[in-house]
Amino acid sequence: MGKKTFHLSVSGIFFIIFVLHFARLVFRWEVVVSGVIIPGWVSILAILIALTLVYYSNKFGKRLRN
């Protein structure tokens, strides 16, 4: 797997993570881990991080030749 393919694959994975967190906020899905309810602001933080990683991974992937 070349570097370009790697960066674009990683970008796709983080985009899927973004979509799932966004859907959690829109549909108000509740997430419970070990009996603790995870608040919605965690998804907002995850959305910001995922979008940043999608942007930079795409940027680096498109800049590479191979």
Protein backbone atom coordinates (compact mmCIF):
# COMPACT_ATOMS: atom_id res chain seq x y z
CA MET A 1 0.00 0.00 0.00
CA GLY A 2 1.42 3.33 -1.05
CA LYS A 3 1.50 6.44 1.10
CA LYS A 4 -1.22 8.11 -0.95
CA THR A 5 -3.54 5.12 -0.63
CA PHE A 6 -2.82 4.95 3.11
CA HIS A 7 -3.69 8.61 3.68
CA LEU A 8 -6.88 8.39 1.65
CA SER A 9 -7.92 5.18 3.46
CA VAL A 10 -7.31 6.78 6.86
CA SER A 11 -9.31 9.78 5.71
CA GLY A 12 -12.24 7.49 4.85
CA ILE A 13 -12.11 5.78 8.24
CA PHE A 14 -12.15 9.10 10.09
CA PHE A 15 -15.01 10.29 7.88
CA ILE A 16 -17.04 7.25 8.96
CA ILE A 17 -16.27 8.10 12.60
CA PHE A 18 -17.44 11.66 11.93
CA VAL A 19 -20.72 10.44 10.39
CA LEU A 20 -21.45 8.13 13.32
CA HIS A 21 -20.85 10.84 15.92
CA PHE A 22 -22.93 13.31 13.92
CA ALA A 23 -25.75 10.76 13.69
CA ARG A 24 -25.52 10.24 17.45
CA LEU A 25 -26.17 13.93 18.00
CA VAL A 26 -28.94 14.23 15.40
CA PHE A 27 -30.86 11.12 16.49
CA ARG A 28 -30.02 11.63 20.20
CA TRP A 29 -28.62 8.12 20.62
CA GLU A 30 -27.58 7.35 24.17
CA VAL A 31 -24.19 5.76 24.75
CA VAL A 32 -23.54 3.89 28.00
CA VAL A 33 -20.09 2.59 28.92
CA SER A 34 -19.83 0.56 32.12
CA GLY A 35 -23.06 2.06 33.38
CA VAL A 36 -21.95 5.66 32.73
CA ILE A 37 -23.90 7.72 30.21
CA ILE A 38 -21.54 9.54 27.84
CA PRO A 39 -22.68 13.16 27.32
CA GLY A 40 -23.26 14.69 23.88
CA TRP A 41 -20.36 17.14 24.16
CA VAL A 42 -18.00 14.18 23.82
CA SER A 43 -19.42 13.59 20.33
CA ILE A 44 -18.97 17.27 19.48
CA LEU A 45 -15.32 17.01 20.48
CA ALA A 46 -14.96 13.77 18.48
CA ILE A 47 -16.57 15.45 15.43
CA LEU A 48 -14.05 18.30 15.56
CA ILE A 49 -11.11 15.93 15.93
CA ALA A 50 -12.36 13.58 13.18
CA LEU A 51 -12.97 16.42 10.71
CA THR A 52 -9.50 17.82 11.40
CA LEU A 53 -7.95 14.41 10.76
CA VAL A 54 -10.01 13.94 7.58
CA TYR A 55 -8.88 17.33 6.28
CA TYR A 56 -5.18 16.83 6.95
CA SER A 57 -5.14 13.22 5.78
CA ASN A 58 -6.79 14.25 2.51
CA LYS A 59 -4.40 17.17 2.17
CA PHE A 60 -1.33 14.98 2.64
CA GLY A 61 -2.74 12.16 0.49
CA LYS A 62 -3.47 14.42 -2.46
CA ARG A 63 -0.07 16.09 -2.21
CA LEU A 64 1.81 12.78 -2.60
CA ARG A 65 2.71 11.47 -6.02
CA ASN A 66 2.24 7.76 -5.35
